[in-house]
């Protein structure tokens, strides 16, 4: 399963100006024994953060929204080639729509 996490908080200037409701998105890969969040920091720097259900609950208390998707992240998934957090998430869920450029647009498509 893949969990897509959306947040309206960011420290970057450009998403604050361009994005409306959600300013950041991160895919979470759920396996049988752990969860790994791919956190986009900047191009070619993606942090893998190990999570559990308590961490998901805490993120939800801080305003994060979650969408649950059946399926797995592809085996050839390379997060280092992504230039934005939206592009990273689209590659994780195998979505090839060039019109989706903001987290809010991705949220509307997945919802």
N, C-alpha and C. Protein backbone atom coordinates (compact mmCIF):
# COMPACT_ATOMS: atom_id res chain seq x y z
N UNK A 1 0.84 -1.16 0.00
CA UNK A 1 0.00 0.00 0.00
C UNK A 1 0.89 1.24 0.00
N UNK A 2 0.40 2.30 -0.57
CA UNK A 2 1.08 3.58 -0.60
C UNK A 2 0.18 4.61 0.07
N UNK A 3 0.75 5.39 0.97
CA UNK A 3 0.03 6.49 1.61
C UNK A 3 0.62 7.78 1.04
N UNK A 4 -0.22 8.66 0.55
CA UNK A 4 0.22 9.96 0.06
C UNK A 4 -0.13 10.99 1.12
N UNK A 5 0.90 11.67 1.64
CA UNK A 5 0.72 12.64 2.72
C UNK A 5 0.83 14.06 2.16
N UNK A 6 -0.15 14.90 2.48
CA UNK A 6 -0.20 16.29 2.02
C UNK A 6 -0.10 17.22 3.22
N UNK A 7 0.69 18.30 3.07
CA UNK A 7 0.84 19.27 4.14
C UNK A 7 0.68 20.68 3.58
N UNK A 8 0.19 21.58 4.43
CA UNK A 8 0.08 22.98 4.01
C UNK A 8 1.21 23.83 4.57
N UNK A 9 2.20 23.21 5.18
CA UNK A 9 3.34 23.93 5.74
C UNK A 9 4.61 23.59 4.96
N UNK A 10 5.44 24.61 4.72
CA UNK A 10 6.72 24.41 4.06
C UNK A 10 7.64 25.56 4.43
N UNK A 11 8.94 25.32 4.30
CA UNK A 11 9.91 26.37 4.56
C UNK A 11 10.41 26.99 3.26
N UNK A 12 10.00 26.45 2.13
CA UNK A 12 10.44 26.95 0.83
C UNK A 12 9.62 28.17 0.41
N UNK A 13 10.26 29.08 -0.29
CA UNK A 13 9.59 30.32 -0.70
C UNK A 13 8.69 30.10 -1.92
N UNK A 14 9.19 29.39 -2.92
CA UNK A 14 8.43 29.22 -4.16
C UNK A 14 7.10 28.50 -3.95
N UNK A 15 7.03 27.41 -3.18
CA UNK A 15 5.70 26.80 -2.96
C UNK A 15 4.75 27.70 -2.17
N UNK A 16 5.28 28.55 -1.31
CA UNK A 16 4.41 29.48 -0.59
C UNK A 16 3.73 30.45 -1.55
N UNK A 17 4.42 30.80 -2.63
CA UNK A 17 3.85 31.76 -3.58
C UNK A 17 2.95 31.08 -4.61
N UNK A 18 3.30 29.87 -5.05
CA UNK A 18 2.59 29.23 -6.15
C UNK A 18 1.47 28.29 -5.72
N UNK A 19 1.60 27.67 -4.57
CA UNK A 19 0.65 26.64 -4.17
C UNK A 19 -0.40 27.22 -3.23
N UNK A 20 -1.65 26.77 -3.41
CA UNK A 20 -2.76 27.31 -2.62
C UNK A 20 -2.95 26.57 -1.31
N UNK A 21 -3.65 25.46 -1.35
CA UNK A 21 -4.03 24.77 -0.11
C UNK A 21 -2.92 23.89 0.43
N UNK A 22 -2.39 23.01 -0.40
CA UNK A 22 -1.30 22.14 0.05
C UNK A 22 0.00 22.62 -0.58
N UNK A 23 1.06 22.61 0.22
CA UNK A 23 2.33 23.11 -0.26
C UNK A 23 3.41 22.04 -0.32
N UNK A 24 3.11 20.86 0.20
CA UNK A 24 4.09 19.78 0.18
C UNK A 24 3.36 18.43 0.12
N UNK A 25 3.99 17.48 -0.54
CA UNK A 25 3.44 16.13 -0.64
C UNK A 25 4.59 15.14 -0.50
N UNK A 26 4.32 14.00 0.13
CA UNK A 26 5.34 12.97 0.32
C UNK A 26 4.69 11.59 0.24
N UNK A 27 5.30 10.68 -0.53
CA UNK A 27 4.77 9.31 -0.57
C UNK A 27 5.33 8.49 0.60
N UNK A 28 4.51 7.60 1.12
CA UNK A 28 4.92 6.70 2.20
C UNK A 28 4.70 5.28 1.70
N UNK A 29 5.78 4.51 1.64
CA UNK A 29 5.72 3.12 1.20
C UNK A 29 5.44 2.24 2.41
N UNK A 30 4.33 1.52 2.37
CA UNK A 30 3.94 0.66 3.47
C UNK A 30 4.24 -0.79 3.09
N UNK A 31 5.08 -1.44 3.88
CA UNK A 31 5.35 -2.87 3.71
C UNK A 31 4.80 -3.59 4.93
N UNK A 32 5.05 -4.88 5.02
CA UNK A 32 4.49 -5.65 6.13
C UNK A 32 5.04 -5.23 7.49
N UNK A 33 6.32 -4.85 7.54
CA UNK A 33 6.91 -4.59 8.85
C UNK A 33 7.33 -3.14 9.09
N UNK A 34 7.26 -2.27 8.10
CA UNK A 34 7.64 -0.87 8.35
C UNK A 34 7.03 0.06 7.31
N UNK A 35 7.18 1.36 7.55
CA UNK A 35 6.74 2.39 6.62
C UNK A 35 7.92 3.34 6.39
N UNK A 36 8.13 3.71 5.13
CA UNK A 36 9.22 4.62 4.78
C UNK A 36 8.64 5.81 4.03
N UNK A 37 8.88 7.00 4.56
CA UNK A 37 8.45 8.24 3.90
C UNK A 37 9.62 8.79 3.09
N UNK A 38 9.35 9.12 1.83
CA UNK A 38 10.34 9.75 0.97
C UNK A 38 10.13 11.25 1.05
N UNK A 39 10.96 11.93 1.83
CA UNK A 39 10.83 13.36 2.07
C UNK A 39 11.72 14.12 1.09
N UNK A 40 11.10 14.93 0.22
CA UNK A 40 11.85 15.73 -0.76
C UNK A 40 12.44 16.94 -0.06
N UNK A 41 13.77 17.08 -0.11
CA UNK A 41 14.45 18.22 0.50
C UNK A 41 14.79 19.24 -0.57
N UNK A 42 15.50 18.79 -1.59
CA UNK A 42 15.83 19.59 -2.76
C UNK A 42 16.19 18.62 -3.87
N UNK A 43 16.32 19.09 -5.11
CA UNK A 43 16.63 18.14 -6.18
C UNK A 43 17.87 17.31 -5.86
N UNK A 44 17.76 16.01 -6.07
CA UNK A 44 18.78 15.00 -5.84
C UNK A 44 19.06 14.73 -4.37
N UNK A 45 18.28 15.32 -3.46
CA UNK A 45 18.41 15.02 -2.04
C UNK A 45 17.03 14.65 -1.50
N UNK A 46 16.85 13.34 -1.32
CA UNK A 46 15.60 12.81 -0.79
C UNK A 46 15.93 12.01 0.46
N UNK A 47 15.29 12.34 1.56
CA UNK A 47 15.51 11.65 2.82
C UNK A 47 14.49 10.54 2.99
N UNK A 48 14.96 9.39 3.42
CA UNK A 48 14.07 8.28 3.75
C UNK A 48 13.87 8.28 5.25
N UNK A 49 12.62 8.44 5.68
CA UNK A 49 12.29 8.52 7.10
C UNK A 49 11.44 7.32 7.46
N UNK A 50 11.88 6.56 8.45
CA UNK A 50 11.13 5.40 8.91
C UNK A 50 10.02 5.88 9.84
N UNK A 51 8.80 5.37 9.63
CA UNK A 51 7.63 5.78 10.41
C UNK A 51 6.92 4.56 10.99
N UNK A 52 6.07 4.83 11.96
CA UNK A 52 5.12 3.82 12.45
C UNK A 52 3.75 4.48 12.54
N UNK A 53 2.75 3.74 13.00
CA UNK A 53 1.39 4.29 13.04
C UNK A 53 1.26 5.47 14.00
N UNK A 54 2.03 5.47 15.06
CA UNK A 54 2.01 6.60 15.99
C UNK A 54 2.48 7.88 15.29
N UNK A 55 3.51 7.77 14.46
CA UNK A 55 4.02 8.93 13.73
C UNK A 55 2.98 9.45 12.73
N UNK A 56 2.25 8.55 12.10
CA UNK A 56 1.19 8.96 11.17
C UNK A 56 0.11 9.72 11.93
N UNK A 57 -0.23 9.25 13.11
CA UNK A 57 -1.24 9.92 13.93
C UNK A 57 -0.75 11.32 14.35
N UNK A 58 0.51 11.44 14.71
CA UNK A 58 1.07 12.74 15.10
C UNK A 58 1.07 13.70 13.91
N UNK A 59 1.45 13.21 12.73
CA UNK A 59 1.41 14.06 11.54
C UNK A 59 -0.02 14.53 11.25
N UNK A 60 -0.98 13.66 11.46
CA UNK A 60 -2.38 14.04 11.27
C UNK A 60 -2.82 15.12 12.24
N UNK A 61 -2.29 15.10 13.47
CA UNK A 61 -2.62 16.15 14.44
C UNK A 61 -2.02 17.49 14.04
N UNK A 62 -0.92 17.47 13.28
CA UNK A 62 -0.30 18.71 12.84
C UNK A 62 -0.82 19.19 11.49
N UNK A 63 -1.91 18.63 11.01
CA UNK A 63 -2.55 19.15 9.82
C UNK A 63 -2.28 18.40 8.53
N UNK A 64 -1.53 17.31 8.56
CA UNK A 64 -1.29 16.53 7.36
C UNK A 64 -2.55 15.77 6.98
N UNK A 65 -2.83 15.66 5.69
CA UNK A 65 -3.95 14.88 5.16
C UNK A 65 -3.37 13.67 4.43
N UNK A 66 -4.08 12.55 4.48
CA UNK A 66 -3.58 11.31 3.90
C UNK A 66 -4.58 10.72 2.92
N UNK A 67 -4.05 10.17 1.83
CA UNK A 67 -4.83 9.41 0.86
C UNK A 67 -4.16 8.05 0.74
N UNK A 68 -4.96 7.00 0.88
CA UNK A 68 -4.45 5.63 0.84
C UNK A 68 -4.70 5.05 -0.55
N UNK A 69 -3.65 4.47 -1.15
CA UNK A 69 -3.73 3.91 -2.49
C UNK A 69 -3.28 2.46 -2.43
N UNK A 70 -4.06 1.58 -3.04
CA UNK A 70 -3.65 0.18 -3.15
C UNK A 70 -2.56 0.07 -4.20
N UNK A 71 -1.62 -0.84 -3.98
CA UNK A 71 -0.52 -1.04 -4.91
C UNK A 71 0.80 -0.82 -4.20
N UNK A 72 1.87 -0.99 -4.93
CA UNK A 72 3.21 -0.83 -4.39
C UNK A 72 4.00 0.15 -5.22
N UNK A 73 5.05 0.69 -4.62
CA UNK A 73 5.99 1.53 -5.36
C UNK A 73 6.75 0.64 -6.34
N UNK A 74 6.93 1.07 -7.60
CA UNK A 74 7.60 0.20 -8.57
C UNK A 74 9.04 -0.13 -8.17
N UNK A 75 9.51 -1.26 -8.64
CA UNK A 75 10.87 -1.70 -8.30
C UNK A 75 11.93 -0.80 -8.93
N UNK A 76 11.63 -0.18 -10.05
CA UNK A 76 12.60 0.70 -10.70
C UNK A 76 12.45 2.16 -10.26
N UNK A 77 11.81 2.40 -9.14
CA UNK A 77 11.58 3.75 -8.62
C UNK A 77 12.91 4.35 -8.18
N UNK A 78 13.28 5.49 -8.79
CA UNK A 78 14.51 6.20 -8.45
C UNK A 78 14.14 7.59 -7.97
N UNK A 79 14.09 7.82 -6.67
CA UNK A 79 13.64 9.12 -6.18
C UNK A 79 14.64 10.25 -6.43
N UNK A 80 15.88 9.94 -6.72
CA UNK A 80 16.90 10.99 -6.87
C UNK A 80 16.75 11.81 -8.14
N UNK A 81 15.99 11.33 -9.12
CA UNK A 81 15.84 12.07 -10.38
C UNK A 81 14.70 13.08 -10.34
N UNK A 82 13.93 13.14 -9.28
CA UNK A 82 12.79 14.05 -9.20
C UNK A 82 13.26 15.48 -8.91
N UNK A 83 12.57 16.44 -9.52
CA UNK A 83 12.91 17.85 -9.33
C UNK A 83 11.99 18.56 -8.35
N UNK A 84 10.80 17.98 -8.08
CA UNK A 84 9.87 18.54 -7.11
C UNK A 84 9.26 17.41 -6.30
N UNK A 85 8.60 17.78 -5.22
CA UNK A 85 7.94 16.77 -4.39
C UNK A 85 6.76 16.14 -5.12
N UNK A 86 6.10 16.89 -5.99
CA UNK A 86 4.98 16.37 -6.76
C UNK A 86 5.48 15.36 -7.79
N UNK A 87 6.59 15.67 -8.43
CA UNK A 87 7.16 14.75 -9.41
C UNK A 87 7.62 13.46 -8.73
N UNK A 88 8.16 13.56 -7.54
CA UNK A 88 8.57 12.39 -6.77
C UNK A 88 7.36 11.49 -6.47
N UNK A 89 6.28 12.09 -6.05
CA UNK A 89 5.07 11.34 -5.72
C UNK A 89 4.42 10.74 -6.96
N UNK A 90 4.39 11.49 -8.05
CA UNK A 90 3.82 10.95 -9.28
C UNK A 90 4.60 9.74 -9.76
N UNK A 91 5.91 9.74 -9.61
CA UNK A 91 6.71 8.59 -10.00
C UNK A 91 6.46 7.41 -9.08
N UNK A 92 6.21 7.70 -7.80
CA UNK A 92 5.97 6.62 -6.85
C UNK A 92 4.65 5.90 -7.12
N UNK A 93 3.64 6.63 -7.59
CA UNK A 93 2.34 6.01 -7.84
C UNK A 93 2.10 5.75 -9.32
N UNK A 94 3.12 5.95 -10.16
CA UNK A 94 3.07 5.68 -11.60
C UNK A 94 1.99 6.50 -12.29
N UNK A 95 1.97 7.80 -12.02
CA UNK A 95 1.02 8.72 -12.64
C UNK A 95 1.79 9.58 -13.64
N UNK A 96 1.36 9.57 -14.89
CA UNK A 96 2.09 10.26 -15.96
C UNK A 96 1.23 11.37 -16.56
N UNK A 97 0.80 12.31 -15.77
CA UNK A 97 0.00 13.42 -16.25
C UNK A 97 0.83 14.70 -16.08
N UNK A 98 1.24 15.30 -17.18
CA UNK A 98 2.11 16.47 -17.11
C UNK A 98 1.39 17.71 -16.60
N UNK A 99 0.05 17.70 -16.60
CA UNK A 99 -0.70 18.86 -16.14
C UNK A 99 -0.67 19.02 -14.62
N UNK A 100 -0.37 17.97 -13.91
CA UNK A 100 -0.33 18.03 -12.44
C UNK A 100 1.03 18.56 -12.02
N UNK A 101 1.06 19.77 -11.47
CA UNK A 101 2.32 20.40 -11.07
C UNK A 101 2.31 20.87 -9.62
N UNK A 102 1.16 20.89 -8.96
CA UNK A 102 1.08 21.35 -7.58
C UNK A 102 0.50 20.24 -6.70
N UNK A 103 0.79 20.27 -5.40
CA UNK A 103 0.22 19.27 -4.51
C UNK A 103 -1.30 19.28 -4.48
N UNK A 104 -1.90 20.45 -4.59
CA UNK A 104 -3.36 20.53 -4.57
C UNK A 104 -3.98 19.88 -5.81
N UNK A 105 -3.35 20.05 -6.96
CA UNK A 105 -3.84 19.39 -8.18
C UNK A 105 -3.73 17.88 -8.06
N UNK A 106 -2.64 17.40 -7.46
CA UNK A 106 -2.49 15.97 -7.23
C UNK A 106 -3.52 15.46 -6.24
N UNK A 107 -3.81 16.23 -5.22
CA UNK A 107 -4.83 15.86 -4.24
C UNK A 107 -6.20 15.72 -4.89
N UNK A 108 -6.53 16.68 -5.77
CA UNK A 108 -7.83 16.64 -6.45
C UNK A 108 -7.95 15.44 -7.38
N UNK A 109 -6.88 15.07 -8.06
CA UNK A 109 -6.92 13.91 -8.95
C UNK A 109 -7.07 12.62 -8.15
N UNK A 110 -6.36 12.50 -7.05
CA UNK A 110 -6.40 11.27 -6.25
C UNK A 110 -7.67 11.13 -5.42
N UNK A 111 -8.26 12.24 -5.07
CA UNK A 111 -9.46 12.21 -4.25
C UNK A 111 -10.62 11.74 -5.08
